[in-house]
Amino acid sequence: MATEILMPALSPTMEEGTLAKWLVKEGDTVKSGDILAEIETDKATMEFEAVDEGIVGKILVAEGSAGVKVNTAIAVLIEEGESADDLPAPKAQADAPAPKAEAAPAAAAAPAAAAPAPAAPSRDGNRVFASPLARRIAAEKGIDLSALKGTGPHGRIVKADVEGAKPGAAAAPAQAAAPAAAAPAAAKPAAGPSAETILKMYEGREIEEVALDGMRRTIAARLGEAKQTIPHFYLRRSAKLDELMKFRATLNKQLESRGVKLSVNDFIIKACALALQEVPDANAIWAGDRIVKLKPSDVAVAVAVEGGLFTPVLKDAQQKTLSALSSEMKDLANRAKSKKLAPHEYQGGSFAISNLGMFGIENFDAVINPPHGAILAVGAGIQTPVVENGEVVVRNVMSMTLSVDHRVIDGALGAQLLQAIVAHLENPMGMLA
């Protein structure tokens, strides 16, 4: 029996991807666990493993195809003795995206055409992961997949899980659920002028059109949503860095033999992690109909990469030494620039840091990355005259702006958090206690 291989969801938020490279060809025999292809998500390139055994009978989606929707058939596995020539051409194959411009429209139409593999049901609002063969057998036997526990990779339900299961109430057909799914949604803000309208304004001018890749498209969607739906407010403070710079120089001299060099950003990460422990009500995220408070300080740090940015998360940052944070941050940043981070390394956290001080930016306002409750925008340290004890002295002063989600953190609470961050930066030795 032929089995369709579907475009996988390699992260909880993935809706489509690019089939970057096939690692098998038609006629190859594969078994569960074999690497079939490399899939580009919005943030990373990941390997895709086979769940079922068989022979690659037909590749439906060519290398380089972008915008391939999750659950679109990308290849067909056949059994020994079957021929790819004998397979009926499914609509998903006939409409398979060309490697370039026609990829997205074709991929969007494919899930509806792939009737032999019913859509995975949901459990508590989350999609149940199951192989196409497992879904087909479950449909034939009247088994509700949401009641099964998968034994495949990442908990995926496979053939063996459904073969021994007892028939039960099948999941409700998609058609029956359609009216509920079609409930009126809140009106979305206007999307703005179309591309055609914009281009008409520049007729006769020399321009270059840049197609959006997955990362740029995701950044546009998420941050556009953030500014439209999150009630931002901003708190500003300055911190004097003179003691920190002296302390950093001393530590770096002592750590030189170990090949460790601490940056100012490492101190900022540690200061934020400790402040979140001292102001625990601010260590929180917005979760739609509730606020979720985190116990550990999981701090995300924005890293610029070609074409966009990542926000890798330093988990349990309050427990780690400055040298450990420095080494981990360097590793995450290097792998972010080559798009080698796994989803769990850049998802999560309650708080983020965006530091543009190294570019000479004195101050700026950062956009909150949902579901985070706040983000700290860090500017450059600048030699500034300040008054101390009635005398004017020159200090190295760094400006910071805390962007806060008012649904999660109120003004006084945000002020306490920023005050705690400043206190640690101005008394850096305490961060070693």
Protein backbone atom coordinates (compact mmCIF):
# COMPACT_ATOMS: atom_id res chain seq x y z
CA MET A 1 0.00 0.00 0.00
CA ALA A 2 1.39 3.40 -0.96
CA THR A 3 2.06 5.82 1.90
CA GLU A 4 2.33 9.56 1.50
CA ILE A 5 5.18 11.41 3.20
CA LEU A 6 3.89 14.77 4.43
CA MET A 7 5.67 18.05 5.06
CA PRO A 8 6.34 17.84 8.83
CA ALA A 9 5.73 20.48 11.48
CA LEU A 10 9.24 20.81 12.90
CA SER A 11 8.26 23.40 15.50
CA PRO A 12 4.99 24.27 17.27
CA THR A 13 4.55 27.46 15.20
CA MET A 14 5.62 26.11 11.80
CA GLU A 15 2.95 26.50 9.10
CA GLU A 16 5.09 26.10 5.98
CA GLY A 17 8.69 25.44 5.03
CA THR A 18 11.20 25.12 2.21
CA LEU A 19 12.29 21.70 1.01
CA ALA A 20 15.96 22.61 0.89
CA LYS A 21 17.48 19.27 -0.10
CA TRP A 22 16.47 15.67 -0.70
CA LEU A 23 18.88 13.14 0.84
CA VAL A 24 17.17 10.19 -0.90
CA LYS A 25 16.14 9.59 -4.49
CA GLU A 26 13.36 7.65 -6.17
CA GLY A 27 13.97 3.91 -5.83
CA ASP A 28 15.87 4.15 -2.54
CA THR A 29 14.79 1.86 0.30
CA VAL A 30 14.29 3.64 3.61
CA LYS A 31 13.47 2.54 7.14
CA SER A 32 12.22 4.38 10.21
CA GLY A 33 14.84 6.84 11.46
CA ASP A 34 16.57 7.39 8.10
CA ILE A 35 17.14 11.05 7.16
CA LEU A 36 14.99 11.86 4.13
CA ALA A 37 15.48 15.58 3.57
CA GLU A 38 16.60 18.92 4.93
CA ILE A 39 13.73 21.28 5.66
CA GLU A 40 14.15 25.04 6.15
CA THR A 41 11.75 26.54 8.66
CA ASP A 42 11.43 30.26 9.33
CA LYS A 43 14.46 30.09 11.63
CA ALA A 44 16.56 27.00 10.96
CA THR A 45 17.46 24.14 8.63
CA MET A 46 16.53 20.79 10.16
CA GLU A 47 16.77 17.15 9.17
CA PHE A 48 13.54 15.22 8.52
CA GLU A 49 13.47 11.55 9.56
CA ALA A 50 11.41 8.76 8.04
CA VAL A 51 8.73 7.23 10.26
CA ASP A 52 7.55 4.43 7.93
CA GLU A 53 9.48 1.83 5.97
CA GLY A 54 9.32 1.36 2.21
CA ILE A 55 10.72 2.40 -1.15
CA VAL A 56 10.71 5.99 -2.36
CA GLY A 57 8.28 5.58 -5.24
CA LYS A 58 7.79 9.20 -6.22
CA ILE A 59 9.14 12.59 -5.13
CA LEU A 60 6.30 15.10 -5.42
CA VAL A 61 8.02 18.31 -4.32
CA ALA A 62 11.32 19.34 -5.90
CA GLU A 63 14.36 20.64 -4.04
CA GLY A 64 14.21 24.38 -3.45
CA SER A 65 10.40 24.53 -3.28
CA ALA A 66 9.40 27.25 -0.85
CA GLY A 67 6.11 27.89 0.91
CA VAL A 68 5.23 24.19 1.20
CA LYS A 69 2.43 23.95 3.74
CA VAL A 70 2.60 21.55 6.67
CA ASN A 71 0.84 18.24 5.88
CA THR A 72 1.32 18.66 2.12
CA ALA A 73 2.34 15.38 0.42
CA ILE A 74 6.00 15.72 -0.61
CA ALA A 75 6.75 12.10 -1.58
CA VAL A 76 5.20 8.62 -1.77
CA LEU A 77 6.54 5.41 -0.23
CA ILE A 78 5.63 2.13 -1.92
CA GLU A 79 6.03 -1.50 -0.87
CA GLU A 80 8.13 -4.20 -2.48
CA GLY A 81 6.57 -5.33 -5.76
CA GLU A 82 4.70 -2.07 -6.35
CA SER A 83 5.70 0.32 -9.10
CA ALA A 84 5.57 4.08 -9.03
CA ASP A 85 4.13 3.92 -12.55
CA ASP A 86 1.08 2.06 -11.22
CA LEU A 87 0.28 4.73 -8.64
CA PRO A 88 -2.73 6.95 -9.30
CA ALA A 89 -1.54 10.53 -9.58
CA PRO A 90 -2.96 12.25 -6.51
CA LYS A 91 -4.11 15.79 -6.88
CA ALA A 92 -1.36 16.85 -4.51
CA GLN A 93 1.15 15.46 -7.02
CA ALA A 94 -0.52 16.95 -10.08
CA ASP A 95 -0.60 20.32 -8.39
CA ALA A 96 2.84 19.95 -6.82
CA PRO A 97 4.68 23.24 -6.60
CA ALA A 98 7.35 24.12 -9.10
CA PRO A 99 10.68 24.82 -7.43
CA LYS A 100 10.31 28.57 -7.74
CA ALA A 101 7.44 31.00 -8.15
CA GLU A 102 4.46 28.60 -8.09
CA ALA A 103 5.47 26.90 -4.84
CA ALA A 104 3.20 28.68 -2.38
CA PRO A 105 -0.16 28.55 -4.26
CA ALA A 106 0.25 24.87 -5.13
CA ALA A 107 1.25 23.91 -1.62
CA ALA A 108 -1.78 25.66 -0.21
CA ALA A 109 -4.10 23.54 -2.33
CA ALA A 110 -2.43 20.22 -1.59
CA PRO A 111 -3.80 19.34 1.88
CA ALA A 112 -7.39 19.41 0.67
CA ALA A 113 -6.52 17.14 -2.25
CA ALA A 114 -4.75 14.48 -0.20
CA ALA A 115 -7.97 12.71 0.83
CA PRO A 116 -6.43 9.29 1.66
CA ALA A 117 -4.62 10.79 4.67
CA PRO A 118 -7.18 12.43 6.97
CA ALA A 119 -6.10 15.41 9.01
CA ALA A 120 -4.68 14.66 12.42
CA PRO A 121 -7.18 15.25 15.22
CA SER A 122 -6.47 17.55 18.13
CA ARG A 123 -5.98 16.91 21.81
CA ASP A 124 -6.56 19.85 24.14
CA GLY A 125 -6.21 22.18 21.18
CA ASN A 126 -2.87 20.72 20.05
CA ARG A 127 -2.41 18.77 16.84
CA VAL A 128 -1.74 15.06 17.30
CA PHE A 129 1.30 13.93 15.31
CA ALA A 130 0.72 10.67 13.41
CA SER A 131 2.16 9.05 10.31
CA PRO A 132 -0.05 8.97 7.20
CA LEU A 133 -0.31 5.18 7.38
CA ALA A 134 -1.34 5.31 11.03
CA ARG A 135 -4.04 7.86 10.25
CA ARG A 136 -5.34 5.75 7.37
CA ILE A 137 -5.53 2.59 9.49
CA ALA A 138 -7.16 4.52 12.33
CA ALA A 139 -9.81 5.84 9.96
CA GLU A 140 -10.53 2.34 8.61
CA LYS A 141 -10.83 0.82 12.11
CA GLY A 142 -12.73 3.74 13.66
CA ILE A 143 -9.97 4.56 16.15
CA ASP A 144 -9.71 7.98 17.76
CA LEU A 145 -6.02 8.94 17.46
CA SER A 146 -6.31 11.55 20.20
CA ALA A 147 -6.76 8.69 22.71
CA LEU A 148 -3.49 6.97 21.72
CA LYS A 149 0.07 7.49 22.92
CA GLY A 150 2.65 7.53 20.14
CA THR A 151 5.87 5.52 20.30
CA GLY A 152 7.49 7.06 17.23
CA PRO A 153 10.02 9.93 17.11
CA HIS A 154 8.93 12.88 19.30
CA GLY A 155 5.81 10.95 20.39
CA ARG A 156 4.44 10.52 16.88
CA ILE A 157 1.75 7.84 16.44
CA VAL A 158 2.93 5.13 14.02
CA LYS A 159 1.52 1.99 12.43
CA ALA A 160 2.26 -0.28 15.40
CA ASP A 161 0.36 2.00 17.79
CA VAL A 162 -2.94 1.72 15.89
CA GLU A 163 -2.72 -1.92 14.81
CA GLY A 164 -3.14 -3.14 18.38
CA ALA A 165 -5.63 -0.47 19.44
CA LYS A 166 -9.28 -1.30 19.94
CA PRO A 167 -11.81 0.41 17.66
CA GLY A 168 -13.61 3.28 19.30
CA ALA A 169 -15.38 6.43 18.43
CA ALA A 170 -13.68 7.97 15.45
CA ALA A 171 -12.69 11.58 15.53
CA ALA A 172 -15.41 13.91 14.32
CA PRO A 173 -15.24 14.50 10.55
CA ALA A 174 -13.73 17.75 9.43
CA GLN A 175 -17.02 18.68 7.74
CA ALA A 176 -18.92 18.40 11.02
CA ALA A 177 -16.43 20.65 12.77
CA ALA A 178 -16.47 23.23 10.03
CA PRO A 179 -19.35 25.38 11.39
CA ALA A 180 -17.62 25.75 14.76
CA ALA A 181 -14.32 26.60 13.09
CA ALA A 182 -16.09 29.23 11.06
CA ALA A 183 -17.17 31.20 14.12
CA PRO A 184 -16.76 34.94 13.58
CA ALA A 185 -13.27 36.14 14.42
CA ALA A 186 -12.29 39.57 15.65
CA ALA A 187 -11.82 42.04 12.84
CA LYS A 188 -8.18 42.36 11.84
CA PRO A 189 -6.53 45.71 11.19
CA ALA A 190 -6.30 46.75 7.56
CA ALA A 191 -3.29 45.20 5.88
CA GLY A 192 -2.42 48.37 3.98
CA PRO A 193 -2.02 48.95 0.25
CA SER A 194 -1.32 45.94 -1.96
CA ALA A 195 2.06 45.33 -3.59
CA GLU A 196 0.58 46.29 -6.97
CA THR A 197 -0.65 49.62 -5.59
CA ILE A 198 2.74 50.38 -4.07
CA LEU A 199 4.64 49.46 -7.24
CA LYS A 200 2.46 51.78 -9.33
CA MET A 201 3.70 54.69 -7.21
CA TYR A 202 7.26 53.94 -8.36
CA GLU A 203 6.68 53.34 -12.04
CA GLY A 204 9.60 54.68 -14.03
CA ARG A 205 11.99 54.55 -11.07
CA GLU A 206 14.88 52.12 -10.82
CA ILE A 207 13.98 49.61 -8.12
CA GLU A 208 14.83 46.10 -6.99
CA GLU A 209 12.22 43.74 -5.56
CA VAL A 210 13.38 41.43 -2.77
CA ALA A 211 11.26 38.33 -2.18
CA LEU A 212 10.46 37.57 1.45
CA ASP A 213 12.10 34.44 2.83
CA GLY A 214 10.58 32.50 5.72
CA MET A 215 12.48 34.41 8.40
CA ARG A 216 11.60 37.86 7.08
CA ARG A 217 7.96 36.88 6.62
CA THR A 218 7.78 35.58 10.20
CA ILE A 219 9.44 38.68 11.65
CA ALA A 220 7.01 40.92 9.76
CA ALA A 221 3.98 38.93 10.92
CA ARG A 222 4.98 38.53 14.56
CA LEU A 223 6.24 42.04 15.21
CA GLY A 224 3.39 43.59 13.21
CA GLU A 225 1.01 41.63 15.41
CA ALA A 226 2.96 42.65 18.51
CA LYS A 227 2.65 46.40 17.86
CA GLN A 228 -1.03 46.07 16.95
CA THR A 229 -2.13 43.85 19.84
CA ILE A 230 0.29 44.40 22.75
CA PRO A 231 -0.26 47.57 24.83
CA HIS A 232 3.37 48.69 25.06
CA PHE A 233 4.56 51.28 27.54
CA TYR A 234 8.15 52.40 28.10
CA LEU A 235 10.34 53.02 31.14
CA ARG A 236 13.75 54.70 30.83
CA ARG A 237 16.74 54.65 33.15
CA SER A 238 20.48 55.23 32.91
CA ALA A 239 23.19 53.22 34.62
CA LYS A 240 26.71 54.34 35.48
CA LEU A 241 29.12 51.70 34.22
CA ASP A 242 32.42 52.88 35.70
CA GLU A 243 32.54 50.23 38.45
CA LEU A 244 31.41 47.54 36.02
CA MET A 245 34.13 48.43 33.50
CA LYS A 246 36.84 48.28 36.19
CA PHE A 247 35.48 44.99 37.55
CA ARG A 248 35.23 43.52 34.04
CA ALA A 249 38.86 44.44 33.28
CA THR A 250 40.01 42.74 36.50
CA LEU A 251 38.02 39.56 35.82
CA ASN A 252 39.15 39.36 32.20
CA LYS A 253 42.78 39.56 33.27
CA GLN A 254 42.22 36.68 35.69
CA LEU A 255 40.28 34.64 33.11
CA GLU A 256 42.74 35.23 30.26
CA SER A 257 44.51 31.90 30.85
CA ARG A 258 41.17 30.09 30.40
CA GLY A 259 40.45 31.83 27.11
CA VAL A 260 37.39 33.62 28.56
CA LYS A 261 36.66 37.26 27.81
CA LEU A 262 33.55 38.74 29.39
CA SER A 263 31.57 41.36 27.51
CA VAL A 264 29.38 44.09 28.95
CA ASN A 265 26.44 42.18 27.49
CA ASP A 266 27.29 39.19 29.71
CA PHE A 267 26.91 41.42 32.78
CA ILE A 268 23.62 42.79 31.44
CA ILE A 269 22.25 39.25 30.98
CA LYS A 270 23.23 38.31 34.53
CA ALA A 271 21.81 41.55 35.96
CA CYS A 272 18.45 40.94 34.24
CA ALA A 273 18.35 37.30 35.38
CA LEU A 274 18.93 38.26 39.01
CA ALA A 275 16.44 41.14 38.81
CA LEU A 276 13.72 38.77 37.56
CA GLN A 277 14.31 36.65 40.68
CA GLU A 278 14.09 39.69 42.94
CA VAL A 279 10.90 40.96 41.26
CA PRO A 280 9.18 37.60 40.55
CA ASP A 281 5.84 39.10 39.53
CA ALA A 282 7.61 40.63 36.51
CA ASN A 283 8.99 37.24 35.44
CA ALA A 284 5.80 36.52 33.51
CA ILE A 285 4.27 36.05 30.07
CA TRP A 286 0.89 36.66 28.47
CA ALA A 287 -0.95 33.42 27.62
CA GLY A 288 -4.16 34.60 25.94
CA ASP A 289 -6.60 34.26 28.82
CA ARG A 290 -4.14 34.19 31.70
CA ILE A 291 -0.73 35.31 32.97
CA VAL A 292 1.92 32.61 33.43
CA LYS A 293 4.70 33.27 35.95
CA LEU A 294 8.05 31.55 35.44
CA LYS A 295 10.22 30.34 38.33
CA PRO A 296 13.59 30.33 36.49
CA SER A 297 15.07 33.34 34.71
CA ASP A 298 15.02 32.30 31.04
CA VAL A 299 16.47 35.35 29.26
CA ALA A 300 16.34 35.74 25.48
CA VAL A 301 18.99 37.82 23.70
CA ALA A 302 18.49 39.28 20.20
CA VAL A 303 21.20 38.22 17.73
CA ALA A 304 21.42 39.87 14.31
CA VAL A 305 21.87 37.44 11.41
CA GLU A 306 21.78 37.91 7.66
CA GLY A 307 18.22 38.75 6.68
CA GLY A 308 16.80 38.95 10.19
CA LEU A 309 17.42 38.04 13.80
CA PHE A 310 17.20 35.22 16.34
CA THR A 311 16.44 35.45 20.04
CA PRO A 312 18.22 32.43 21.57
CA VAL A 313 17.23 31.77 25.17
CA LEU A 314 19.70 31.37 28.05
CA LYS A 315 17.77 29.14 30.44
CA ASP A 316 18.25 29.25 34.22
CA ALA A 317 20.50 32.28 33.70
CA GLN A 318 20.23 33.25 37.38
CA GLN A 319 22.15 30.09 38.36
CA LYS A 320 25.01 30.40 35.87
CA THR A 321 28.33 32.14 36.35
CA LEU A 322 29.33 35.05 34.16
CA SER A 323 31.90 32.89 32.35
CA ALA A 324 29.28 30.15 31.73
CA LEU A 325 26.83 32.72 30.37
CA SER A 326 29.54 34.18 28.16
CA SER A 327 30.48 30.80 26.67
CA GLU A 328 26.86 29.76 26.13
CA MET A 329 25.97 33.09 24.53
CA LYS A 330 28.91 32.88 22.11
CA ASP A 331 27.89 29.34 21.11
CA LEU A 332 24.24 30.27 20.58
CA ALA A 333 25.16 33.39 18.61
CA ASN A 334 27.56 31.50 16.32
CA ARG A 335 25.01 28.78 15.60
CA ALA A 336 22.26 31.37 15.11
CA LYS A 337 24.30 33.03 12.37
CA SER A 338 24.57 29.71 10.52
CA LYS A 339 20.89 28.88 11.24
CA LYS A 340 21.79 25.77 13.20
CA LEU A 341 19.70 26.44 16.30
CA ALA A 342 16.99 23.94 17.26
CA PRO A 343 13.52 25.41 17.98
CA HIS A 344 13.80 24.80 21.74
CA GLU A 345 16.91 27.01 21.78
CA TYR A 346 15.13 30.13 20.51
CA GLN A 347 11.59 29.62 21.80
CA GLY A 348 10.40 30.39 25.31
CA GLY A 349 11.70 32.78 27.93
CA SER A 350 9.82 35.58 29.64
CA PHE A 351 12.17 38.49 29.01
CA ALA A 352 14.46 39.64 26.21
CA ILE A 353 17.47 41.93 25.72
CA SER A 354 18.24 43.88 22.55
CA ASN A 355 21.65 45.59 22.69
CA LEU A 356 22.54 48.05 19.92
CA GLY A 357 25.17 49.86 21.96
CA MET A 358 28.00 48.28 19.97
CA PHE A 359 26.63 50.11 16.91
CA GLY A 360 26.81 53.48 18.66
CA ILE A 361 23.03 53.74 19.22
CA GLU A 362 22.48 55.85 22.32
CA ASN A 363 18.88 54.80 23.04
CA PHE A 364 15.90 53.19 21.30
CA ASP A 365 12.58 51.47 21.96
CA ALA A 366 12.40 47.72 21.26
CA VAL A 367 9.27 45.80 20.22
CA ILE A 368 8.14 43.03 22.59
CA ASN A 369 8.47 39.54 21.15
CA PRO A 370 5.29 37.69 22.23
CA PRO A 371 4.58 36.03 24.57
CA HIS A 372 7.34 37.82 26.54
CA GLY A 373 6.23 40.34 29.14
CA ALA A 374 9.08 42.81 28.52
CA ILE A 375 12.23 43.58 26.52
CA LEU A 376 15.19 45.74 27.52
CA ALA A 377 16.68 48.00 24.83
CA VAL A 378 20.31 48.79 25.66
CA GLY A 379 22.22 51.75 24.24
CA ALA A 380 25.91 52.64 24.15
CA GLY A 381 27.92 53.69 27.20
CA ILE A 382 28.83 57.35 26.72
CA GLN A 383 31.16 59.64 28.66
CA THR A 384 28.68 62.05 30.28
CA PRO A 385 29.05 64.86 32.85
CA VAL A 386 26.99 64.09 35.97
CA VAL A 387 26.62 65.84 39.32
CA GLU A 388 27.79 63.88 42.37
CA ASN A 389 27.96 65.45 45.84
CA GLY A 390 27.64 68.90 44.33
CA GLU A 391 30.50 68.39 41.89
CA VAL A 392 30.46 67.73 38.15
CA VAL A 393 32.28 64.53 37.21
CA VAL A 394 32.50 62.52 34.00
CA ARG A 395 30.97 59.04 34.10
CA ASN A 396 30.40 56.24 31.59
CA VAL A 397 26.59 56.31 31.36
CA MET A 398 24.46 53.75 29.53
CA SER A 399 20.84 54.49 28.60
CA MET A 400 18.21 51.70 28.78
CA THR A 401 14.55 51.51 27.82
CA LEU A 402 12.27 48.78 29.16
CA SER A 403 9.34 48.04 26.83
CA VAL A 404 6.57 46.48 28.91
CA ASP A 405 3.35 44.60 28.11
CA HIS A 406 0.78 46.40 30.26
CA ARG A 407 -1.42 43.29 30.32
CA VAL A 408 1.30 41.52 32.29
CA ILE A 409 3.29 44.21 34.12
CA ASP A 410 2.00 47.50 35.52
CA GLY A 411 4.03 50.70 35.78
CA ALA A 412 5.22 50.38 39.39
CA LEU A 413 6.19 46.73 38.89
CA GLY A 414 8.13 47.55 35.74
CA ALA A 415 9.89 50.37 37.59
CA GLN A 416 10.95 47.95 40.35
CA LEU A 417 12.36 45.55 37.76
CA LEU A 418 14.35 48.27 35.99
CA GLN A 419 15.60 49.61 39.33
CA ALA A 420 16.87 46.13 40.26
CA ILE A 421 18.67 45.82 36.91
CA VAL A 422 20.39 49.19 37.39
CA ALA A 423 21.40 48.30 40.96
CA HIS A 424 23.20 45.16 39.77
CA LEU A 425 24.95 46.95 36.90
CA GLU A 426 26.21 49.70 39.21
CA ASN A 427 27.33 47.21 41.89
CA PRO A 428 28.64 44.35 39.73
CA MET A 429 30.59 42.54 42.45
CA GLY A 430 27.27 41.55 44.03
CA MET A 431 26.47 39.46 40.96
CA LEU A 432 29.15 36.98 42.06
CA ALA A 433 27.59 36.46 45.50
